[in-house]
Amino acid sequence: MLATRLQIEELSIPATLDDPDAAGFIEMVGVRNAIEAQLLGSGALALTPAELLLAFFTETIGPFYYNQGLADAQAVMAKVADNINDEIYGLEQREARAR
């Protein structure tokens, strides 16, 4: 019987694939692709390290940027609505305002 020790360690996600500590991440991508090829019988769905890194950043920080975009759009729309209200107020008859 073959006994295998498995050790799971934290893997740092590099900012770029050129970082000195990116070797572990790139190796992990190779292992992931090999396991997927073994399970599926094909390497057709293999990812490059850059694709996996992009997927990580998209899933991790993508929602933040999406929500920030919505907040920015809401702020612009609020300013536009304020400007429209100011323009409409300017169209009111002065005599009606005094009453």
PDB file of N, CA and C in Angstrom:
ATOM      1  N   MET A   1       0.846  -1.173   0.000  1.00  0.00           N
ATOM      2  CA  MET A   1       0.000   0.000   0.000  1.00  0.00           C
ATOM      3  C   MET A   1       0.897   1.244   0.000  1.00  0.00           C
ATOM      4  N   LEU A   2       0.550   2.189  -0.834  1.00  0.00           N
ATOM      5  CA  LEU A   2       1.328   3.414  -0.976  1.00  0.00           C
ATOM      6  C   LEU A   2       0.731   4.496  -0.084  1.00  0.00           C
ATOM      7  N   ALA A   3       1.524   5.021   0.806  1.00  0.00           N
ATOM      8  CA  ALA A   3       1.063   6.091   1.692  1.00  0.00           C
ATOM      9  C   ALA A   3       1.554   7.420   1.134  1.00  0.00           C
ATOM     10  N   THR A   4       0.656   8.366   1.052  1.00  0.00           N
ATOM     11  CA  THR A   4       0.997   9.684   0.527  1.00  0.00           C
ATOM     12  C   THR A   4       0.647  10.735   1.557  1.00  0.00           C
ATOM     13  N   ARG A   5       1.592  11.629   1.791  1.00  0.00           N
ATOM     14  CA  ARG A   5       1.324  12.746   2.690  1.00  0.00           C
ATOM     15  C   ARG A   5       0.868  13.918   1.852  1.00  0.00           C
ATOM     16  N   LEU A   6      -0.174  14.541   2.291  1.00  0.00           N
ATOM     17  CA  LEU A   6      -0.708  15.714   1.605  1.00  0.00           C
ATOM     18  C   LEU A   6      -0.579  16.894   2.549  1.00  0.00           C
ATOM     19  N   GLN A   7       0.033  17.932   2.055  1.00  0.00           N
ATOM     20  CA  GLN A   7       0.180  19.146   2.853  1.00  0.00           C
ATOM     21  C   GLN A   7      -0.413  20.301   2.059  1.00  0.00           C
ATOM     22  N   ILE A   8      -1.343  20.992   2.677  1.00  0.00           N
ATOM     23  CA  ILE A   8      -1.982  22.133   2.023  1.00  0.00           C
ATOM     24  C   ILE A   8      -1.414  23.398   2.647  1.00  0.00           C
ATOM     25  N   GLU A   9      -0.886  24.251   1.792  1.00  0.00           N
ATOM     26  CA  GLU A   9      -0.315  25.506   2.245  1.00  0.00           C
ATOM     27  C   GLU A   9      -1.015  26.663   1.561  1.00  0.00           C
ATOM     28  N   GLU A  10      -0.982  27.807   2.212  1.00  0.00           N
ATOM     29  CA  GLU A  10      -1.576  29.009   1.628  1.00  0.00           C
ATOM     30  C   GLU A  10      -0.755  29.424   0.407  1.00  0.00           C
ATOM     31  N   LEU A  11      -1.446  29.779  -0.631  1.00  0.00           N
ATOM     32  CA  LEU A  11      -0.802  30.194  -1.872  1.00  0.00           C
ATOM     33  C   LEU A  11      -1.059  31.680  -2.073  1.00  0.00           C
ATOM     34  N   SER A  12       0.015  32.439  -2.203  1.00  0.00           N
ATOM     35  CA  SER A  12      -0.175  33.870  -2.430  1.00  0.00           C
ATOM     36  C   SER A  12      -0.490  34.101  -3.905  1.00  0.00           C
ATOM     37  N   ILE A  13      -1.398  35.020  -4.141  1.00  0.00           N
ATOM     38  CA  ILE A  13      -1.782  35.376  -5.498  1.00  0.00           C
ATOM     39  C   ILE A  13      -0.902  36.555  -5.914  1.00  0.00           C
ATOM     40  N   PRO A  14      -0.093  36.381  -6.957  1.00  0.00           N
ATOM     41  CA  PRO A  14       0.812  37.469  -7.357  1.00  0.00           C
ATOM     42  C   PRO A  14       0.058  38.596  -8.040  1.00  0.00           C
ATOM     43  N   ALA A  15       0.607  39.793  -7.948  1.00  0.00           N
ATOM     44  CA  ALA A  15       0.010  40.934  -8.647  1.00  0.00           C
ATOM     45  C   ALA A  15       0.206  40.796 -10.147  1.00  0.00           C
ATOM     46  N   THR A  16       1.337  40.252 -10.560  1.00  0.00           N
ATOM     47  CA  THR A  16       1.601  39.966 -11.972  1.00  0.00           C
ATOM     48  C   THR A  16       2.305  38.617 -12.046  1.00  0.00           C
ATOM     49  N   LEU A  17       2.324  38.047 -13.225  1.00  0.00           N
ATOM     50  CA  LEU A  17       2.987  36.762 -13.400  1.00  0.00           C
ATOM     51  C   LEU A  17       4.502  36.910 -13.465  1.00  0.00           C
ATOM     52  N   ASP A  18       4.994  38.142 -13.505  1.00  0.00           N
ATOM     53  CA  ASP A  18       6.431  38.394 -13.515  1.00  0.00           C
ATOM     54  C   ASP A  18       7.007  38.521 -12.112  1.00  0.00           C
ATOM     55  N   ASP A  19       6.144  38.559 -11.091  1.00  0.00           N
ATOM     56  CA  ASP A  19       6.616  38.687  -9.710  1.00  0.00           C
ATOM     57  C   ASP A  19       7.494  37.495  -9.350  1.00  0.00           C
ATOM     58  N   PRO A  20       8.497  37.717  -8.498  1.00  0.00           N
ATOM     59  CA  PRO A  20       9.366  36.613  -8.087  1.00  0.00           C
ATOM     60  C   PRO A  20       8.618  35.486  -7.377  1.00  0.00           C
ATOM     61  N   ASP A  21       7.520  35.816  -6.675  1.00  0.00           N
ATOM     62  CA  ASP A  21       6.768  34.789  -5.948  1.00  0.00           C
ATOM     63  C   ASP A  21       5.632  34.175  -6.767  1.00  0.00           C
ATOM     64  N   ALA A  22       5.621  34.406  -8.070  1.00  0.00           N
ATOM     65  CA  ALA A  22       4.560  33.878  -8.935  1.00  0.00           C
ATOM     66  C   ALA A  22       4.775  32.418  -9.300  1.00  0.00           C
ATOM     67  N   ALA A  23       5.952  31.877  -9.036  1.00  0.00           N
ATOM     68  CA  ALA A  23       6.262  30.499  -9.442  1.00  0.00           C
ATOM     69  C   ALA A  23       5.283  29.496  -8.847  1.00  0.00           C
ATOM     70  N   GLY A  24       4.951  29.653  -7.569  1.00  0.00           N
ATOM     71  CA  GLY A  24       4.001  28.732  -6.938  1.00  0.00           C
ATOM     72  C   GLY A  24       2.628  28.804  -7.576  1.00  0.00           C
ATOM     73  N   PHE A  25       2.195  30.002  -7.923  1.00  0.00           N
ATOM     74  CA  PHE A  25       0.898  30.178  -8.573  1.00  0.00           C
ATOM     75  C   PHE A  25       0.898  29.523  -9.950  1.00  0.00           C
ATOM     76  N   ILE A  26       1.963  29.739 -10.705  1.00  0.00           N
ATOM     77  CA  ILE A  26       2.058  29.159 -12.050  1.00  0.00           C
ATOM     78  C   ILE A  26       2.089  27.632 -11.963  1.00  0.00           C
ATOM     79  N   GLU A  27       2.802  27.103 -10.971  1.00  0.00           N
ATOM     80  CA  GLU A  27       2.839  25.652 -10.771  1.00  0.00           C
ATOM     81  C   GLU A  27       1.450  25.124 -10.419  1.00  0.00           C
ATOM     82  N   MET A  28       0.719  25.871  -9.571  1.00  0.00           N
ATOM     83  CA  MET A  28      -0.633  25.461  -9.193  1.00  0.00           C
ATOM     84  C   MET A  28      -1.541  25.394 -10.410  1.00  0.00           C
ATOM     85  N   VAL A  29      -1.392  26.336 -11.332  1.00  0.00           N
ATOM     86  CA  VAL A  29      -2.207  26.320 -12.555  1.00  0.00           C
ATOM     87  C   VAL A  29      -1.929  25.049 -13.345  1.00  0.00           C
ATOM     88  N   GLY A  30      -0.663  24.666 -13.421  1.00  0.00           N
ATOM     89  CA  GLY A  30      -0.314  23.424 -14.122  1.00  0.00           C
ATOM     90  C   GLY A  30      -0.934  22.200 -13.468  1.00  0.00           C
ATOM     91  N   VAL A  31      -0.901  22.154 -12.134  1.00  0.00           N
ATOM     92  CA  VAL A  31      -1.509  21.038 -11.405  1.00  0.00           C
ATOM     93  C   VAL A  31      -3.015  21.033 -11.622  1.00  0.00           C
ATOM     94  N   ARG A  32      -3.631  22.204 -11.548  1.00  0.00           N
ATOM     95  CA  ARG A  32      -5.077  22.317 -11.773  1.00  0.00           C
ATOM     96  C   ARG A  32      -5.449  21.810 -13.150  1.00  0.00           C
ATOM     97  N   ASN A  33      -4.681  22.210 -14.167  1.00  0.00           N
ATOM     98  CA  ASN A  33      -4.963  21.779 -15.535  1.00  0.00           C
ATOM     99  C   ASN A  33      -4.774  20.273 -15.693  1.00  0.00           C
ATOM    100  N   ALA A  34      -3.758  19.718 -15.041  1.00  0.00           N
ATOM    101  CA  ALA A  34      -3.514  18.274 -15.127  1.00  0.00           C
ATOM    102  C   ALA A  34      -4.656  17.492 -14.480  1.00  0.00           C
ATOM    103  N   ILE A  35      -5.126  17.965 -13.326  1.00  0.00           N
ATOM    104  CA  ILE A  35      -6.246  17.289 -12.655  1.00  0.00           C
ATOM    105  C   ILE A  35      -7.503  17.385 -13.508  1.00  0.00           C
ATOM    106  N   GLU A  36      -7.765  18.549 -14.062  1.00  0.00           N
ATOM    107  CA  GLU A  36      -8.949  18.712 -14.906  1.00  0.00           C
ATOM    108  C   GLU A  36      -8.865  17.830 -16.150  1.00  0.00           C
ATOM    109  N   ALA A  37      -7.701  17.749 -16.756  1.00  0.00           N
ATOM    110  CA  ALA A  37      -7.530  16.897 -17.933  1.00  0.00           C
ATOM    111  C   ALA A  37      -7.756  15.432 -17.572  1.00  0.00           C
ATOM    112  N   GLN A  38      -7.279  15.018 -16.398  1.00  0.00           N
ATOM    113  CA  GLN A  38      -7.471  13.641 -15.957  1.00  0.00           C
ATOM    114  C   GLN A  38      -8.950  13.346 -15.708  1.00  0.00           C
ATOM    115  N   LEU A  39      -9.636  14.293 -15.061  1.00  0.00           N
ATOM    116  CA  LEU A  39     -11.052  14.085 -14.742  1.00  0.00           C
ATOM    117  C   LEU A  39     -11.937  14.126 -15.981  1.00  0.00           C
ATOM    118  N   LEU A  40     -11.639  15.040 -16.894  1.00  0.00           N
ATOM    119  CA  LEU A  40     -12.480  15.212 -18.077  1.00  0.00           C
ATOM    120  C   LEU A  40     -12.005  14.405 -19.271  1.00  0.00           C
ATOM    121  N   GLY A  41     -10.783  13.891 -19.196  1.00  0.00           N
ATOM    122  CA  GLY A  41     -10.238  13.149 -20.315  1.00  0.00           C
ATOM    123  C   GLY A  41      -9.741  14.046 -21.434  1.00  0.00           C
ATOM    124  N   SER A  42      -9.657  15.340 -21.151  1.00  0.00           N
ATOM    125  CA  SER A  42      -9.222  16.288 -22.167  1.00  0.00           C
ATOM    126  C   SER A  42      -8.660  17.525 -21.488  1.00  0.00           C
ATOM    127  N   GLY A  43      -7.685  18.143 -22.134  1.00  0.00           N
ATOM    128  CA  GLY A  43      -7.141  19.391 -21.629  1.00  0.00           C
ATOM    129  C   GLY A  43      -7.728  20.589 -22.333  1.00  0.00           C
ATOM    130  N   ALA A  44      -8.868  20.395 -22.983  1.00  0.00           N
ATOM    131  CA  ALA A  44      -9.480  21.464 -23.789  1.00  0.00           C
ATOM    132  C   ALA A  44      -9.847  22.684 -22.954  1.00  0.00           C
ATOM    133  N   LEU A  45     -10.133  22.493 -21.692  1.00  0.00           N
ATOM    134  CA  LEU A  45     -10.546  23.608 -20.844  1.00  0.00           C
ATOM    135  C   LEU A  45      -9.403  24.155 -19.992  1.00  0.00           C
ATOM    136  N   ALA A  46      -8.181  23.778 -20.321  1.00  0.00           N
ATOM    137  CA  ALA A  46      -7.029  24.240 -19.546  1.00  0.00           C
ATOM    138  C   ALA A  46      -6.913  25.754 -19.619  1.00  0.00           C
ATOM    139  N   LEU A  47      -6.508  26.333 -18.510  1.00  0.00           N
ATOM    140  CA  LEU A  47      -6.336  27.778 -18.424  1.00  0.00           C
ATOM    141  C   LEU A  47      -4.864  28.121 -18.362  1.00  0.00           C
ATOM    142  N   THR A  48      -4.526  29.282 -18.881  1.00  0.00           N
ATOM    143  CA  THR A  48      -3.172  29.786 -18.704  1.00  0.00           C
ATOM    144  C   THR A  48      -3.112  30.479 -17.349  1.00  0.00           C
ATOM    145  N   PRO A  49      -1.924  30.671 -16.798  1.00  0.00           N
ATOM    146  CA  PRO A  49      -1.838  31.397 -15.526  1.00  0.00           C
ATOM    147  C   PRO A  49      -2.466  32.789 -15.605  1.00  0.00           C
ATOM    148  N   ALA A  50      -2.312  33.469 -16.740  1.00  0.00           N
ATOM    149  CA  ALA A  50      -2.889  34.811 -16.881  1.00  0.00           C
ATOM    150  C   ALA A  50      -4.412  34.761 -16.823  1.00  0.00           C
ATOM    151  N   GLU A  51      -5.015  33.750 -17.449  1.00  0.00           N
ATOM    152  CA  GLU A  51      -6.480  33.627 -17.414  1.00  0.00           C
ATOM    153  C   GLU A  51      -6.975  33.360 -16.002  1.00  0.00           C
ATOM    154  N   LEU A  52      -6.261  32.504 -15.289  1.00  0.00           N
ATOM    155  CA  LEU A  52      -6.679  32.191 -13.926  1.00  0.00           C
ATOM    156  C   LEU A  52      -6.494  33.399 -13.013  1.00  0.00           C
ATOM    157  N   LEU A  53      -5.417  34.148 -13.216  1.00  0.00           N
ATOM    158  CA  LEU A  53      -5.180  35.354 -12.424  1.00  0.00           C
ATOM    159  C   LEU A  53      -6.268  36.396 -12.706  1.00  0.00           C
ATOM    160  N   LEU A  54      -6.622  36.555 -13.965  1.00  0.00           N
ATOM    161  CA  LEU A  54      -7.688  37.490 -14.328  1.00  0.00           C
ATOM    162  C   LEU A  54      -9.014  37.058 -13.712  1.00  0.00           C
ATOM    163  N   ALA A  55      -9.308  35.770 -13.748  1.00  0.00           N
ATOM    164  CA  ALA A  55     -10.554  35.270 -13.144  1.00  0.00           C
ATOM    165  C   ALA A  55     -10.579  35.545 -11.647  1.00  0.00           C
ATOM    166  N   PHE A  56      -9.446  35.360 -10.984  1.00  0.00           N
ATOM    167  CA  PHE A  56      -9.379  35.631  -9.545  1.00  0.00           C
ATOM    168  C   PHE A  56      -9.680  37.093  -9.258  1.00  0.00           C
ATOM    169  N   PHE A  57      -9.018  38.001  -9.988  1.00  0.00           N
ATOM    170  CA  PHE A  57      -9.233  39.425  -9.743  1.00  0.00           C
ATOM    171  C   PHE A  57     -10.665  39.830 -10.099  1.00  0.00           C
ATOM    172  N   THR A  58     -11.204  39.259 -11.159  1.00  0.00           N
ATOM    173  CA  THR A  58     -12.576  39.578 -11.554  1.00  0.00           C
ATOM    174  C   THR A  58     -13.562  39.184 -10.457  1.00  0.00           C
ATOM    175  N   GLU A  59     -13.391  38.000  -9.907  1.00  0.00           N
ATOM    176  CA  GLU A  59     -14.299  37.524  -8.863  1.00  0.00           C
ATOM    177  C   GLU A  59     -14.081  38.242  -7.538  1.00  0.00           C
ATOM    178  N   THR A  60     -12.846  38.603  -7.262  1.00  0.00           N
ATOM    179  CA  THR A  60     -12.526  39.192  -5.960  1.00  0.00           C
ATOM    180  C   THR A  60     -12.829  40.680  -5.894  1.00  0.00           C
ATOM    181  N   ILE A  61     -12.357  41.445  -6.872  1.00  0.00           N
ATOM    182  CA  ILE A  61     -12.540  42.893  -6.797  1.00  0.00           C
ATOM    183  C   ILE A  61     -13.535  43.429  -7.814  1.00  0.00           C
ATOM    184  N   GLY A  62     -13.999  42.574  -8.704  1.00  0.00           N
ATOM    185  CA  GLY A  62     -14.974  43.004  -9.706  1.00  0.00           C
ATOM    186  C   GLY A  62     -16.227  43.611  -9.096  1.00  0.00           C
ATOM    187  N   PRO A  63     -16.839  42.959  -8.084  1.00  0.00           N
ATOM    188  CA  PRO A  63     -18.043  43.532  -7.490  1.00  0.00           C
ATOM    189  C   PRO A  63     -17.819  44.920  -6.888  1.00  0.00           C
ATOM    190  N   PHE A  64     -16.638  45.165  -6.329  1.00  0.00           N
ATOM    191  CA  PHE A  64     -16.336  46.482  -5.771  1.00  0.00           C
ATOM    192  C   PHE A  64     -16.397  47.544  -6.868  1.00  0.00           C
ATOM    193  N   TYR A  65     -15.735  47.268  -7.997  1.00  0.00           N
ATOM    194  CA  TYR A  65     -15.719  48.246  -9.083  1.00  0.00           C
ATOM    195  C   TYR A  65     -17.096  48.407  -9.719  1.00  0.00           C
ATOM    196  N   TYR A  66     -17.850  47.323  -9.788  1.00  0.00           N
ATOM    197  CA  TYR A  66     -19.221  47.406 -10.301  1.00  0.00           C
ATOM    198  C   TYR A  66     -20.065  48.315  -9.406  1.00  0.00           C
ATOM    199  N   ASN A  67     -20.004  48.081  -8.089  1.00  0.00           N
ATOM    200  CA  ASN A  67     -20.777  48.897  -7.152  1.00  0.00           C
ATOM    201  C   ASN A  67     -20.319  50.349  -7.171  1.00  0.00           C
ATOM    202  N   GLN A  68     -19.008  50.574  -7.301  1.00  0.00           N
ATOM    203  CA  GLN A  68     -18.501  51.942  -7.375  1.00  0.00           C
ATOM    204  C   GLN A  68     -19.017  52.625  -8.637  1.00  0.00           C
ATOM    205  N   GLY A  69     -19.083  51.893  -9.733  1.00  0.00           N
ATOM    206  CA  GLY A  69     -19.627  52.441 -10.980  1.00  0.00           C
ATOM    207  C   GLY A  69     -21.088  52.840 -10.817  1.00  0.00           C
ATOM    208  N   LEU A  70     -21.853  52.004 -10.122  1.00  0.00           N
ATOM    209  CA  LEU A  70     -23.259  52.344  -9.871  1.00  0.00           C
ATOM    210  C   LEU A  70     -23.370  53.599  -9.008  1.00  0.00           C
ATOM    211  N   ALA A  71     -22.538  53.695  -7.986  1.00  0.00           N
ATOM    212  CA  ALA A  71     -22.572  54.872  -7.112  1.00  0.00           C
ATOM    213  C   ALA A  71     -22.190  56.132  -7.902  1.00  0.00           C
ATOM    214  N   ASP A  72     -21.184  56.027  -8.767  1.00  0.00           N
ATOM    215  CA  ASP A  72     -20.783  57.173  -9.589  1.00  0.00           C
ATOM    216  C   ASP A  72     -21.907  57.580 -10.536  1.00  0.00           C
ATOM    217  N   ALA A  73     -22.561  56.596 -11.147  1.00  0.00           N
ATOM    218  CA  ALA A  73     -23.674  56.897 -12.055  1.00  0.00           C
ATOM    219  C   ALA A  73     -24.827  57.553 -11.292  1.00  0.00           C
ATOM    220  N   GLN A  74     -25.090  57.076 -10.088  1.00  0.00           N
ATOM    221  CA  GLN A  74     -26.156  57.659  -9.271  1.00  0.00           C
ATOM    222  C   GLN A  74     -25.827  59.110  -8.924  1.00  0.00           C
ATOM    223  N   ALA A  75     -24.580  59.408  -8.614  1.00  0.00           N
ATOM    224  CA  ALA A  75     -24.170  60.778  -8.287  1.00  0.00           C
ATOM    225  C   ALA A  75     -24.341  61.689  -9.498  1.00  0.00           C
ATOM    226  N   VAL A  76     -23.985  61.200 -10.677  1.00  0.00           N
ATOM    227  CA  VAL A  76     -24.153  61.999 -11.901  1.00  0.00           C
ATOM    228  C   VAL A  76     -25.628  62.260 -12.154  1.00  0.00           C
ATOM    229  N   MET A  77     -26.453  61.240 -11.988  1.00  0.00           N
ATOM    230  CA  MET A  77     -27.895  61.416 -12.219  1.00  0.00           C
ATOM    231  C   MET A  77     -28.496  62.382 -11.206  1.00  0.00           C
ATOM    232  N   ALA A  78     -28.022  62.369  -9.973  1.00  0.00           N
ATOM    233  CA  ALA A  78     -28.531  63.304  -8.961  1.00  0.00           C
ATOM    234  C   ALA A  78     -28.186  64.740  -9.347  1.00  0.00           C
ATOM    235  N   LYS A  79     -26.970  64.964  -9.867  1.00  0.00           N
ATOM    236  CA  LYS A  79     -26.582  66.306 -10.315  1.00  0.00           C
ATOM    237  C   LYS A  79     -27.425  66.752 -11.497  1.00  0.00           C
ATOM    238  N   VAL A  80     -27.686  65.844 -12.427  1.00  0.00           N
ATOM    239  CA  VAL A  80     -28.515  66.174 -13.582  1.00  0.00           C
ATOM    240  C   VAL A  80     -29.923  66.538 -13.127  1.00  0.00           C
ATOM    241  N   ALA A  81     -30.465  65.749 -12.183  1.00  0.00           N
ATOM    242  CA  ALA A  81     -31.807  66.038 -11.673  1.00  0.00           C
ATOM    243  C   ALA A  81     -31.841  67.395 -10.978  1.00  0.00           C
ATOM    244  N   ASP A  82     -30.801  67.731 -10.223  1.00  0.00           N
ATOM    245  CA  ASP A  82     -30.730  69.035  -9.567  1.00  0.00           C
ATOM    246  C   ASP A  82     -30.686  70.165 -10.598  1.00  0.00           C
ATOM    247  N   ASN A  83     -29.914  69.979 -11.650  1.00  0.00           N
ATOM    248  CA  ASN A  83     -29.838  70.999 -12.704  1.00  0.00           C
ATOM    249  C   ASN A  83     -31.186  71.189 -13.396  1.00  0.00           C
ATOM    250  N   ILE A  84     -31.887  70.091 -13.641  1.00  0.00           N
ATOM    251  CA  ILE A  84     -33.208  70.183 -14.264  1.00  0.00           C
ATOM    252  C   ILE A  84     -34.160  70.927 -13.342  1.00  0.00           C
ATOM    253  N   ASN A  85     -34.131  70.619 -12.051  1.00  0.00           N
ATOM    254  CA  ASN A  85     -34.990  71.312 -11.085  1.00  0.00           C
ATOM    255  C   ASN A  85     -34.684  72.808 -11.060  1.00  0.00           C
ATOM    256  N   ASP A  86     -33.396  73.150 -11.111  1.00  0.00           N
ATOM    257  CA  ASP A  86     -33.011  74.562 -11.125  1.00  0.00           C
ATOM    258  C   ASP A  86     -33.531  75.256 -12.384  1.00  0.00           C
ATOM    259  N   GLU A  87     -33.429  74.593 -13.525  1.00  0.00           N
ATOM    260  CA  GLU A  87     -33.911  75.176 -14.782  1.00  0.00           C
ATOM    261  C   GLU A  87     -35.429  75.362 -14.754  1.00  0.00           C
ATOM    262  N   ILE A  88     -36.142  74.391 -14.223  1.00  0.00           N
ATOM    263  CA  ILE A  88     -37.604  74.505 -14.128  1.00  0.00           C
ATOM    264  C   ILE A  88     -37.972  75.638 -13.178  1.00  0.00           C
ATOM    265  N   TYR A  89     -37.277  75.754 -12.070  1.00  0.00           N
ATOM    266  CA  TYR A  89     -37.535  76.834 -11.124  1.00  0.00           C
ATOM    267  C   TYR A  89     -37.314  78.185 -11.795  1.00  0.00           C
ATOM    268  N   GLY A  90     -36.296  78.258 -12.651  1.00  0.00           N
ATOM    269  CA  GLY A  90     -36.023  79.504 -13.372  1.00  0.00           C
ATOM    270  C   GLY A  90     -37.109  79.883 -14.355  1.00  0.00           C
ATOM    271  N   LEU A  91     -37.902  78.929 -14.788  1.00  0.00           N
ATOM    272  CA  LEU A  91     -38.984  79.194 -15.738  1.00  0.00           C
ATOM    273  C   LEU A  91     -40.257  79.681 -15.054  1.00  0.00           C
ATOM    274  N   GLU A  92     -40.329  79.525 -13.745  1.00  0.00           N
ATOM    275  CA  GLU A  92     -41.542  79.957 -13.041  1.00  0.00           C
ATOM    276  C   GLU A  92     -41.692  81.468 -13.145  1.00  0.00           C
ATOM    277  N   GLN A  93     -42.940  81.898 -13.131  1.00  0.00           N
ATOM    278  CA  GLN A  93     -43.240  83.319 -13.160  1.00  0.00           C
ATOM    279  C   GLN A  93     -42.857  83.944 -11.835  1.00  0.00           C
ATOM    280  N   ARG A  94     -42.206  85.090 -11.878  1.00  0.00           N
ATOM    281  CA  ARG A  94     -41.733  85.724 -10.666  1.00  0.00           C
ATOM    282  C   ARG A  94     -42.900  86.122  -9.744  1.00  0.00           C
ATOM    283  N   GLU A  95     -43.989  86.563 -10.314  1.00  0.00           N
ATOM    284  CA  GLU A  95     -45.124  86.992  -9.494  1.00  0.00           C
ATOM    285  C   GLU A  95     -45.710  85.823  -8.717  1.00  0.00           C
ATOM    286  N   ALA A  96     -45.698  84.620  -9.317  1.00  0.00           N
ATOM    287  CA  ALA A  96     -46.255  83.457  -8.630  1.00  0.00           C
ATOM    288  C   ALA A  96     -45.366  83.033  -7.454  1.00  0.00           C
ATOM    289  N   ARG A  97     -44.102  83.311  -7.552  1.00  0.00           N
ATOM    290  CA  ARG A  97     -43.185  82.970  -6.461  1.00  0.00           C
ATOM    291  C   ARG A  97     -43.443  83.822  -5.222  1.00  0.00           C
ATOM    292  N   ALA A  98     -43.809  85.061  -5.423  1.00  0.00           N
ATOM    293  CA  ALA A  98     -44.005  86.003  -4.305  1.00  0.00           C
ATOM    294  C   ALA A  98     -45.215  85.641  -3.467  1.00  0.00           C
ATOM    295  N   ARG A  99     -46.178  85.002  -4.000  1.00  0.00           N
ATOM    296  CA  ARG A  99     -47.409  84.696  -3.272  1.00  0.00           C
ATOM    297  C   ARG A  99     -47.261  83.660  -2.251  1.00  0.00           C
TER     298      ARG A  99
END
